[in-house]
C-alpha atoms as a PDB file:
ATOM      1  CA  MET A   1    -120.430 -51.212   7.333  1.00  0.00           C
ATOM      2  CA  GLU A   2    -122.623 -54.778   7.437  1.00  0.00           C
ATOM      3  CA  LYS A   3    -125.887 -54.863   6.898  1.00  0.00           C
ATOM      4  CA  PHE A   4    -128.217 -56.937   9.439  1.00  0.00           C
ATOM      5  CA  GLU A   5    -129.279 -58.777   6.971  1.00  0.00           C
ATOM      6  CA  ASP A   6    -126.684 -60.147   6.205  1.00  0.00           C
ATOM      7  CA  LEU A   7    -125.151 -61.009   9.310  1.00  0.00           C
ATOM      8  CA  LEU A   8    -127.830 -62.726  10.303  1.00  0.00           C
ATOM      9  CA  ASN A   9    -127.970 -64.560   6.759  1.00  0.00           C
ATOM     10  CA  GLU A  10    -124.091 -65.654   7.966  1.00  0.00           C
ATOM     11  CA  LEU A  11    -125.161 -66.590  11.394  1.00  0.00           C
ATOM     12  CA  ASN A  12    -127.718 -69.015   9.691  1.00  0.00           C
ATOM     13  CA  GLU A  13    -124.633 -70.628   7.768  1.00  0.00           C
ATOM     14  CA  VAL A  14    -123.539 -70.999   9.966  1.00  0.00           C
ATOM     15  CA  VAL A  15    -126.077 -73.251  11.879  1.00  0.00           C
ATOM     16  CA  LYS A  16    -126.632 -74.546  10.249  1.00  0.00           C
ATOM     17  CA  GLU A  17    -123.241 -76.579   9.667  1.00  0.00           C
ATOM     18  CA  LEU A  18    -122.517 -76.658  13.227  1.00  0.00           C
ATOM     19  CA  GLU A  19    -125.994 -78.359  12.865  1.00  0.00           C
ATOM     20  CA  SER A  20    -124.897 -80.316  10.136  1.00  0.00           C
ATOM     21  CA  GLY A  21    -122.783 -82.374  12.619  1.00  0.00           C
ATOM     22  CA  THR A  22    -119.958 -82.520   9.855  1.00  0.00           C
ATOM     23  CA  LEU A  23    -116.751 -80.557  11.534  1.00  0.00           C
ATOM     24  CA  SER A  24    -114.436 -82.076  13.847  1.00  0.00           C
ATOM     25  CA  LEU A  25    -114.210 -80.693  17.372  1.00  0.00           C
ATOM     26  CA  GLU A  26    -111.814 -77.790  16.113  1.00  0.00           C
ATOM     27  CA  GLU A  27    -113.817 -76.659  13.538  1.00  0.00           C
ATOM     28  CA  SER A  28    -117.000 -76.751  15.368  1.00  0.00           C
ATOM     29  CA  ILE A  29    -115.199 -73.870  17.899  1.00  0.00           C
ATOM     30  CA  GLN A  30    -114.253 -72.615  15.618  1.00  0.00           C
ATOM     31  CA  LYS A  31    -117.880 -71.797  13.924  1.00  0.00           C
ATOM     32  CA  TYR A  32    -118.970 -71.469  17.714  1.00  0.00           C
ATOM     33  CA  GLU A  33    -116.875 -68.577  17.536  1.00  0.00           C
ATOM     34  CA  LYS A  34    -118.015 -67.134  14.511  1.00  0.00           C
ATOM     35  CA  GLY A  35    -121.645 -67.300  15.980  1.00  0.00           C
ATOM     36  CA  ILE A  36    -120.887 -66.020  18.366  1.00  0.00           C
ATOM     37  CA  GLU A  37    -119.256 -62.630  17.553  1.00  0.00           C
ATOM     38  CA  LEU A  38    -122.055 -62.411  15.022  1.00  0.00           C
ATOM     39  CA  SER A  39    -124.689 -63.240  17.304  1.00  0.00           C
ATOM     40  CA  LYS A  40    -124.129 -59.743  18.512  1.00  0.00           C
ATOM     41  CA  LYS A  41    -123.151 -58.404  16.501  1.00  0.00           C
ATOM     42  CA  CYS A  42    -127.014 -58.766  14.869  1.00  0.00           C
ATOM     43  CA  LYS A  43    -127.734 -57.575  18.562  1.00  0.00           C
ATOM     44  CA  ASP A  44    -126.263 -54.212  18.523  1.00  0.00           C
ATOM     45  CA  LYS A  45    -127.243 -53.221  15.676  1.00  0.00           C
ATOM     46  CA  LEU A  46    -131.270 -54.663  16.488  1.00  0.00           C
ATOM     47  CA  LEU A  47    -130.698 -52.308  19.798  1.00  0.00           C
ATOM     48  CA  LEU A  48    -129.885 -49.317  17.533  1.00  0.00           C
ATOM     49  CA  ALA A  49    -132.266 -49.242  15.236  1.00  0.00           C
ATOM     50  CA  LYS A  50    -134.473 -49.510  18.571  1.00  0.00           C
ATOM     51  CA  GLU A  51    -132.774 -46.758  20.056  1.00  0.00           C
ATOM     52  CA  VAL A  52    -133.459 -44.949  15.982  1.00  0.00           C
ATOM     53  CA  VAL A  53    -137.166 -46.028  16.716  1.00  0.00           C
ATOM     54  CA  LEU A  54    -137.628 -44.954  20.521  1.00  0.00           C
ATOM     55  CA  ALA A  55    -136.417 -41.093  19.414  1.00  0.00           C
ATOM     56  CA  LYS A  56    -138.885 -40.526  16.384  1.00  0.00           C
ATOM     57  CA  THR A  57    -141.473 -41.858  18.820  1.00  0.00           C
ATOM     58  CA  VAL A  58    -140.640 -38.587  21.506  1.00  0.00           C
ATOM     59  CA  ASP A  59    -140.121 -36.806  19.108  1.00  0.00           C
ATOM     60  CA  LYS A  60    -143.271 -37.107  17.535  1.00  0.00           C
ATOM     61  CA  GLU A  61    -144.775 -37.792  21.088  1.00  0.00           C
ATOM     62  CA  GLU A  62    -143.014 -34.664  21.867  1.00  0.00           C
ATOM     63  CA  LYS A  63    -144.645 -32.544  18.679  1.00  0.00           C
END
């Protein structure tokens, strides 16, 4: 299972490469698509973490 921190680091690397301006159009499109994929994975992991925290909070409030 991929860790959030690893995904975020990879996403940051993709952003740096895109911002460098040294990639061809085709490479830029591939990196952009990879960035979108990584961004979605990060978002999903954050949403899951939020659900866990909220569930734990509700459990404590009910006790």
